[in-house]
């Protein structure tokens, strides 16, 4: 079992390689690696990311087959199936790091902001279910001066949605809460920049209640 701190550093190192285009040969797919994984897997991190085609987690973190357990859904929202997927991987494989990975200029967040400002009745109920899950984390931003700055509004809305999804995972499941308190599971939020390729782990304060663990220092909220 790889501790959360080590797993987080692996992701940071991998992203640095991705940004600098210094790819690791160890992450390249091979017949040998495929055969090794045929009998089981031990992913060192769980990634709940957006379905956006520009943000494939294995590539932006320069990881290979079997390294990451990836859950992708538009807007990196948290619904029961996503919680269940995280529970499954954390319990079955002993994975101790969960990353909620959003990204800049997220279309699902933009669609939610547009819906809040100009409600439309034309969306399908399935698309609306995504908007409705994003809505609580971003609608209060429209009551601030950010409403007059669309670029800043979207940036803050993306981060607010990431924080909300991470908090939902931390507190929306008894199993995950227990793994956090007793077994060192950590849930962090991060944003991928479409322009630079850099992943910013901005939501990495301690996940455990009561201050029993201090692996991650609190970060300012931009």
C-alpha atoms as a PDB file:
ATOM      1  CA  UNK A   1       0.000   0.000   0.000  1.00  0.00           C
ATOM      2  CA  UNK A   2       1.418   3.386  -1.035  1.00  0.00           C
ATOM      3  CA  UNK A   3       0.771   6.170   1.540  1.00  0.00           C
ATOM      4  CA  UNK A   4      -1.165   9.239   0.387  1.00  0.00           C
ATOM      5  CA  UNK A   5       1.847  11.551   0.682  1.00  0.00           C
ATOM      6  CA  UNK A   6       3.992   9.349  -1.579  1.00  0.00           C
ATOM      7  CA  UNK A   7       1.140   8.938  -4.062  1.00  0.00           C
ATOM      8  CA  UNK A   8       0.644  12.697  -4.238  1.00  0.00           C
ATOM      9  CA  UNK A   9       4.345  13.240  -4.908  1.00  0.00           C
ATOM     10  CA  UNK A  10       4.237  10.655  -7.687  1.00  0.00           C
ATOM     11  CA  UNK A  11       1.442  12.591  -9.337  1.00  0.00           C
ATOM     12  CA  UNK A  12       3.285  15.886  -8.964  1.00  0.00           C
ATOM     13  CA  UNK A  13       6.456  14.414 -10.433  1.00  0.00           C
ATOM     14  CA  UNK A  14       4.502  12.886 -13.285  1.00  0.00           C
ATOM     15  CA  UNK A  15       2.820  16.170 -14.075  1.00  0.00           C
ATOM     16  CA  UNK A  16       6.179  17.923 -14.084  1.00  0.00           C
ATOM     17  CA  UNK A  17       7.399  15.381 -16.640  1.00  0.00           C
ATOM     18  CA  UNK A  18       4.280  15.948 -18.721  1.00  0.00           C
ATOM     19  CA  UNK A  19       4.712  19.726 -18.732  1.00  0.00           C
ATOM     20  CA  UNK A  20       8.397  19.511 -19.631  1.00  0.00           C
ATOM     21  CA  UNK A  21       7.771  16.721 -22.179  1.00  0.00           C
ATOM     22  CA  UNK A  22      10.311  14.552 -20.378  1.00  0.00           C
ATOM     23  CA  UNK A  23       8.245  11.373 -20.552  1.00  0.00           C
ATOM     24  CA  UNK A  24       9.150   8.411 -18.372  1.00  0.00           C
ATOM     25  CA  UNK A  25       9.934   5.230 -20.282  1.00  0.00           C
ATOM     26  CA  UNK A  26       8.590   3.258 -17.306  1.00  0.00           C
ATOM     27  CA  UNK A  27       5.030   4.406 -18.029  1.00  0.00           C
ATOM     28  CA  UNK A  28       5.014   3.237 -21.645  1.00  0.00           C
ATOM     29  CA  UNK A  29       2.619   0.329 -22.291  1.00  0.00           C
ATOM     30  CA  UNK A  30       4.219  -3.035 -22.917  1.00  0.00           C
ATOM     31  CA  UNK A  31       3.212  -6.646 -23.362  1.00  0.00           C
ATOM     32  CA  UNK A  32       5.031  -7.539 -20.142  1.00  0.00           C
ATOM     33  CA  UNK A  33       3.144  -4.940 -18.133  1.00  0.00           C
ATOM     34  CA  UNK A  34      -0.166  -5.981 -19.673  1.00  0.00           C
ATOM     35  CA  UNK A  35       0.455  -9.586 -18.681  1.00  0.00           C
ATOM     36  CA  UNK A  36       1.417  -8.548 -15.149  1.00  0.00           C
ATOM     37  CA  UNK A  37      -1.871  -6.715 -14.730  1.00  0.00           C
ATOM     38  CA  UNK A  38      -3.980  -9.578 -16.071  1.00  0.00           C
ATOM     39  CA  UNK A  39      -3.969 -11.141 -12.604  1.00  0.00           C
ATOM     40  CA  UNK A  40      -4.747  -7.990 -10.592  1.00  0.00           C
ATOM     41  CA  UNK A  41      -4.174  -4.302 -10.055  1.00  0.00           C
ATOM     42  CA  UNK A  42      -2.867  -1.975  -7.351  1.00  0.00           C
ATOM     43  CA  UNK A  43      -3.542   1.602  -8.485  1.00  0.00           C
ATOM     44  CA  UNK A  44      -1.754   4.100  -6.255  1.00  0.00           C
ATOM     45  CA  UNK A  45      -4.296   6.914  -6.751  1.00  0.00           C
ATOM     46  CA  UNK A  46      -7.974   7.326  -7.523  1.00  0.00           C
ATOM     47  CA  UNK A  47      -8.782  10.199  -9.884  1.00  0.00           C
ATOM     48  CA  UNK A  48     -12.297  11.601 -10.136  1.00  0.00           C
ATOM     49  CA  UNK A  49     -11.948  13.827 -13.170  1.00  0.00           C
ATOM     50  CA  UNK A  50     -13.930  15.590 -15.849  1.00  0.00           C
ATOM     51  CA  UNK A  51     -14.780  13.759 -19.079  1.00  0.00           C
ATOM     52  CA  UNK A  52     -13.250  16.571 -21.149  1.00  0.00           C
ATOM     53  CA  UNK A  53     -11.160  15.008 -23.937  1.00  0.00           C
ATOM     54  CA  UNK A  54      -8.289  17.395 -23.175  1.00  0.00           C
ATOM     55  CA  UNK A  55      -7.745  16.099 -19.636  1.00  0.00           C
ATOM     56  CA  UNK A  56      -6.868  12.372 -19.692  1.00  0.00           C
ATOM     57  CA  UNK A  57      -5.478  11.694 -16.226  1.00  0.00           C
ATOM     58  CA  UNK A  58      -2.978   9.016 -17.225  1.00  0.00           C
ATOM     59  CA  UNK A  59      -1.366  11.386 -19.727  1.00  0.00           C
ATOM     60  CA  UNK A  60      -1.308  14.599 -17.676  1.00  0.00           C
ATOM     61  CA  UNK A  61       0.248  12.679 -14.766  1.00  0.00           C
ATOM     62  CA  UNK A  62       2.535  10.603 -17.041  1.00  0.00           C
ATOM     63  CA  UNK A  63       1.380   7.290 -15.606  1.00  0.00           C
ATOM     64  CA  UNK A  64       1.025   3.875 -17.172  1.00  0.00           C
ATOM     65  CA  UNK A  65      -1.238   0.850 -17.223  1.00  0.00           C
ATOM     66  CA  UNK A  66      -2.493  -0.062 -13.768  1.00  0.00           C
ATOM     67  CA  UNK A  67      -1.244   3.072 -12.019  1.00  0.00           C
ATOM     68  CA  UNK A  68      -4.469   5.050 -11.685  1.00  0.00           C
ATOM     69  CA  UNK A  69      -8.102   4.167 -10.998  1.00  0.00           C
ATOM     70  CA  UNK A  70      -9.883   6.809 -13.082  1.00  0.00           C
ATOM     71  CA  UNK A  71     -13.516   7.888 -12.821  1.00  0.00           C
ATOM     72  CA  UNK A  72     -14.582  10.482 -15.393  1.00  0.00           C
ATOM     73  CA  UNK A  73     -17.826  12.433 -15.553  1.00  0.00           C
ATOM     74  CA  UNK A  74     -18.707  15.844 -16.970  1.00  0.00           C
ATOM     75  CA  UNK A  75     -17.972  18.551 -14.415  1.00  0.00           C
ATOM     76  CA  UNK A  76     -16.209  16.068 -12.079  1.00  0.00           C
ATOM     77  CA  UNK A  77     -19.463  15.933 -10.138  1.00  0.00           C
ATOM     78  CA  UNK A  78     -20.145  13.530  -7.290  1.00  0.00           C
ATOM     79  CA  UNK A  79     -23.220  11.327  -7.606  1.00  0.00           C
ATOM     80  CA  UNK A  80     -23.905   7.968  -5.914  1.00  0.00           C
ATOM     81  CA  UNK A  81     -22.169   5.993  -8.666  1.00  0.00           C
ATOM     82  CA  UNK A  82     -19.003   8.076  -8.299  1.00  0.00           C
ATOM     83  CA  UNK A  83     -19.021   7.618  -4.519  1.00  0.00           C
ATOM     84  CA  UNK A  84     -19.492   3.895  -4.989  1.00  0.00           C
ATOM     85  CA  UNK A  85     -16.589   3.746  -7.434  1.00  0.00           C
ATOM     86  CA  UNK A  86     -14.297   5.518  -4.972  1.00  0.00           C
ATOM     87  CA  UNK A  87     -15.422   3.219  -2.160  1.00  0.00           C
ATOM     88  CA  UNK A  88     -14.774   0.173  -4.330  1.00  0.00           C
ATOM     89  CA  UNK A  89     -11.230   1.163  -5.286  1.00  0.00           C
ATOM     90  CA  UNK A  90     -10.248   2.396  -1.824  1.00  0.00           C
ATOM     91  CA  UNK A  91     -11.479  -0.740  -0.106  1.00  0.00           C
ATOM     92  CA  UNK A  92     -10.588  -3.360  -2.727  1.00  0.00           C
ATOM     93  CA  UNK A  93      -7.149  -2.101  -3.723  1.00  0.00           C
ATOM     94  CA  UNK A  94      -6.076  -0.213  -0.599  1.00  0.00           C
ATOM     95  CA  UNK A  95      -5.590   3.003  -2.586  1.00  0.00           C
ATOM     96  CA  UNK A  96      -5.031   5.870  -0.160  1.00  0.00           C
ATOM     97  CA  UNK A  97      -5.174   8.995  -2.321  1.00  0.00           C
ATOM     98  CA  UNK A  98      -8.257  10.384  -4.055  1.00  0.00           C
ATOM     99  CA  UNK A  99      -7.884  13.412  -6.337  1.00  0.00           C
ATOM    100  CA  UNK A 100     -10.841  15.408  -7.604  1.00  0.00           C
ATOM    101  CA  UNK A 101      -9.400  16.775 -10.853  1.00  0.00           C
ATOM    102  CA  UNK A 102     -11.182  19.706 -12.445  1.00  0.00           C
ATOM    103  CA  UNK A 103      -9.816  21.909 -15.184  1.00  0.00           C
ATOM    104  CA  UNK A 104      -9.813  25.482 -16.424  1.00  0.00           C
ATOM    105  CA  UNK A 105     -12.611  26.662 -18.720  1.00  0.00           C
ATOM    106  CA  UNK A 106     -14.786  23.670 -17.826  1.00  0.00           C
ATOM    107  CA  UNK A 107     -17.801  23.514 -20.134  1.00  0.00           C
ATOM    108  CA  UNK A 108     -20.067  21.953 -17.532  1.00  0.00           C
ATOM    109  CA  UNK A 109     -19.357  24.806 -15.121  1.00  0.00           C
ATOM    110  CA  UNK A 110     -19.866  27.383 -17.865  1.00  0.00           C
ATOM    111  CA  UNK A 111     -23.190  25.771 -18.785  1.00  0.00           C
ATOM    112  CA  UNK A 112     -24.295  25.946 -15.154  1.00  0.00           C
ATOM    113  CA  UNK A 113     -23.423  29.646 -14.890  1.00  0.00           C
ATOM    114  CA  UNK A 114     -25.324  30.333 -18.106  1.00  0.00           C
ATOM    115  CA  UNK A 115     -28.325  28.408 -16.795  1.00  0.00           C
ATOM    116  CA  UNK A 116     -28.295  30.400 -13.561  1.00  0.00           C
ATOM    117  CA  UNK A 117     -28.197  33.702 -15.422  1.00  0.00           C
ATOM    118  CA  UNK A 118     -30.540  32.766 -18.270  1.00  0.00           C
ATOM    119  CA  UNK A 119     -32.677  29.761 -17.343  1.00  0.00           C
ATOM    120  CA  UNK A 120     -33.768  27.642 -20.288  1.00  0.00           C
ATOM    121  CA  UNK A 121     -36.313  24.878 -20.491  1.00  0.00           C
ATOM    122  CA  UNK A 122     -34.679  23.139 -23.394  1.00  0.00           C
ATOM    123  CA  UNK A 123     -32.108  20.990 -21.618  1.00  0.00           C
ATOM    124  CA  UNK A 124     -32.675  17.261 -21.355  1.00  0.00           C
ATOM    125  CA  UNK A 125     -33.293  15.992 -17.816  1.00  0.00           C
ATOM    126  CA  UNK A 126     -29.995  14.117 -17.986  1.00  0.00           C
ATOM    127  CA  UNK A 127     -27.980  17.242 -18.808  1.00  0.00           C
ATOM    128  CA  UNK A 128     -29.936  19.153 -16.203  1.00  0.00           C
ATOM    129  CA  UNK A 129     -28.936  16.601 -13.566  1.00  0.00           C
ATOM    130  CA  UNK A 130     -25.295  17.636 -14.095  1.00  0.00           C
ATOM    131  CA  UNK A 131     -26.155  21.332 -13.909  1.00  0.00           C
ATOM    132  CA  UNK A 132     -28.185  20.762 -10.760  1.00  0.00           C
ATOM    133  CA  UNK A 133     -25.237  19.085  -9.023  1.00  0.00           C
ATOM    134  CA  UNK A 134     -22.893  21.942  -9.907  1.00  0.00           C
ATOM    135  CA  UNK A 135     -25.384  24.707  -9.071  1.00  0.00           C
ATOM    136  CA  UNK A 136     -25.083  24.790  -5.232  1.00  0.00           C
ATOM    137  CA  UNK A 137     -21.324  25.338  -5.306  1.00  0.00           C
ATOM    138  CA  UNK A 138     -21.347  28.229  -7.777  1.00  0.00           C
ATOM    139  CA  UNK A 139     -24.603  30.150  -7.567  1.00  0.00           C
ATOM    140  CA  UNK A 140     -23.536  32.318  -4.620  1.00  0.00           C
ATOM    141  CA  UNK A 141     -20.678  33.681  -6.752  1.00  0.00           C
ATOM    142  CA  UNK A 142     -23.256  35.480  -8.882  1.00  0.00           C
ATOM    143  CA  UNK A 143     -24.036  37.681  -5.864  1.00  0.00           C
ATOM    144  CA  UNK A 144     -20.453  39.011  -5.812  1.00  0.00           C
ATOM    145  CA  UNK A 145     -18.550  41.463  -8.049  1.00  0.00           C
ATOM    146  CA  UNK A 146     -17.281  38.420  -9.968  1.00  0.00           C
ATOM    147  CA  UNK A 147     -20.553  38.522 -11.869  1.00  0.00           C
ATOM    148  CA  UNK A 148     -19.138  41.426 -13.862  1.00  0.00           C
ATOM    149  CA  UNK A 149     -15.954  39.559 -14.818  1.00  0.00           C
ATOM    150  CA  UNK A 150     -16.831  36.391 -16.787  1.00  0.00           C
ATOM    151  CA  UNK A 151     -13.276  35.031 -16.865  1.00  0.00           C
ATOM    152  CA  UNK A 152     -12.722  35.462 -13.128  1.00  0.00           C
ATOM    153  CA  UNK A 153     -16.210  34.135 -12.428  1.00  0.00           C
ATOM    154  CA  UNK A 154     -15.552  30.929 -14.356  1.00  0.00           C
ATOM    155  CA  UNK A 155     -12.148  30.464 -12.682  1.00  0.00           C
ATOM    156  CA  UNK A 156     -13.605  30.764  -9.182  1.00  0.00           C
ATOM    157  CA  UNK A 157     -16.632  28.645 -10.101  1.00  0.00           C
ATOM    158  CA  UNK A 158     -14.393  25.826 -11.342  1.00  0.00           C
ATOM    159  CA  UNK A 159     -12.489  25.837  -8.052  1.00  0.00           C
ATOM    160  CA  UNK A 160     -15.637  26.107  -5.952  1.00  0.00           C
ATOM    161  CA  UNK A 161     -17.042  23.060  -7.728  1.00  0.00           C
ATOM    162  CA  UNK A 162     -13.821  21.088  -7.164  1.00  0.00           C
ATOM    163  CA  UNK A 163     -13.876  21.942  -3.451  1.00  0.00           C
ATOM    164  CA  UNK A 164     -17.536  20.966  -3.215  1.00  0.00           C
ATOM    165  CA  UNK A 165     -16.913  17.612  -4.909  1.00  0.00           C
ATOM    166  CA  UNK A 166     -13.945  16.874  -2.645  1.00  0.00           C
ATOM    167  CA  UNK A 167     -15.982  17.791   0.446  1.00  0.00           C
ATOM    168  CA  UNK A 168     -18.852  15.613  -0.764  1.00  0.00           C
ATOM    169  CA  UNK A 169     -16.523  12.633  -1.047  1.00  0.00           C
ATOM    170  CA  UNK A 170     -15.026  13.297   2.394  1.00  0.00           C
ATOM    171  CA  UNK A 171     -18.397  13.528   4.126  1.00  0.00           C
ATOM    172  CA  UNK A 172     -20.911  11.769   1.852  1.00  0.00           C
ATOM    173  CA  UNK A 173     -19.945   8.200   2.659  1.00  0.00           C
ATOM    174  CA  UNK A 174     -19.542   6.435   5.984  1.00  0.00           C
ATOM    175  CA  UNK A 175     -17.005   4.084   4.424  1.00  0.00           C
ATOM    176  CA  UNK A 176     -14.855   6.914   3.066  1.00  0.00           C
ATOM    177  CA  UNK A 177     -15.110   8.847   6.333  1.00  0.00           C
ATOM    178  CA  UNK A 178     -13.932   5.773   8.212  1.00  0.00           C
ATOM    179  CA  UNK A 179     -11.025   5.214   5.805  1.00  0.00           C
ATOM    180  CA  UNK A 180     -10.020   8.856   6.289  1.00  0.00           C
ATOM    181  CA  UNK A 181     -10.138   8.667  10.076  1.00  0.00           C
ATOM    182  CA  UNK A 182      -8.601   5.230  10.546  1.00  0.00           C
ATOM    183  CA  UNK A 183      -6.618   4.202   7.471  1.00  0.00           C
ATOM    184  CA  UNK A 184      -4.916   7.298   6.071  1.00  0.00           C
ATOM    185  CA  UNK A 185      -7.146   7.947   3.069  1.00  0.00           C
ATOM    186  CA  UNK A 186      -6.775  11.500   1.769  1.00  0.00           C
ATOM    187  CA  UNK A 187      -9.110  13.354  -0.595  1.00  0.00           C
ATOM    188  CA  UNK A 188      -7.652  16.415  -2.328  1.00  0.00           C
ATOM    189  CA  UNK A 189      -8.812  18.794  -5.040  1.00  0.00           C
ATOM    190  CA  UNK A 190      -6.774  19.923  -8.024  1.00  0.00           C
ATOM    191  CA  UNK A 191      -7.171  21.996 -11.174  1.00  0.00           C
ATOM    192  CA  UNK A 192      -5.539  21.265 -14.528  1.00  0.00           C
ATOM    193  CA  UNK A 193      -4.670  24.255 -16.701  1.00  0.00           C
ATOM    194  CA  UNK A 194      -5.568  23.695 -20.341  1.00  0.00           C
ATOM    195  CA  UNK A 195      -3.059  26.372 -21.313  1.00  0.00           C
ATOM    196  CA  UNK A 196       0.011  25.358 -19.310  1.00  0.00           C
ATOM    197  CA  UNK A 197      -0.624  21.686 -18.576  1.00  0.00           C
ATOM    198  CA  UNK A 198       0.134  22.264 -14.891  1.00  0.00           C
ATOM    199  CA  UNK A 199      -1.970  20.578 -12.215  1.00  0.00           C
ATOM    200  CA  UNK A 200      -2.408  22.799  -9.159  1.00  0.00           C
ATOM    201  CA  UNK A 201      -3.230  20.851  -5.975  1.00  0.00           C
ATOM    202  CA  UNK A 202      -4.859  23.837  -4.332  1.00  0.00           C
ATOM    203  CA  UNK A 203      -7.261  22.005  -2.024  1.00  0.00           C
ATOM    204  CA  UNK A 204      -4.814  19.912   0.016  1.00  0.00           C
ATOM    205  CA  UNK A 205      -5.427  20.871   3.616  1.00  0.00           C
ATOM    206  CA  UNK A 206      -5.700  17.972   6.112  1.00  0.00           C
ATOM    207  CA  UNK A 207      -8.610  15.723   5.213  1.00  0.00           C
ATOM    208  CA  UNK A 208      -8.906  14.303   8.713  1.00  0.00           C
ATOM    209  CA  UNK A 209     -11.137  15.838  11.328  1.00  0.00           C
ATOM    210  CA  UNK A 210      -9.739  16.791  14.716  1.00  0.00           C
ATOM    211  CA  UNK A 211      -6.169  17.470  13.619  1.00  0.00           C
ATOM    212  CA  UNK A 212      -5.008  13.892  14.181  1.00  0.00           C
ATOM    213  CA  UNK A 213      -2.975  14.012  10.986  1.00  0.00           C
ATOM    214  CA  UNK A 214      -0.990  16.874   9.497  1.00  0.00           C
ATOM    215  CA  UNK A 215       0.392  15.542   6.216  1.00  0.00           C
ATOM    216  CA  UNK A 216      -0.919  18.439   4.199  1.00  0.00           C
ATOM    217  CA  UNK A 217      -0.673  22.073   5.188  1.00  0.00           C
ATOM    218  CA  UNK A 218      -3.634  24.360   4.671  1.00  0.00           C
ATOM    219  CA  UNK A 219      -3.402  26.405   1.503  1.00  0.00           C
ATOM    220  CA  UNK A 220      -4.912  29.822   0.794  1.00  0.00           C
ATOM    221  CA  UNK A 221      -8.030  29.759  -1.345  1.00  0.00           C
ATOM    222  CA  UNK A 222      -7.456  31.839  -4.499  1.00  0.00           C
END
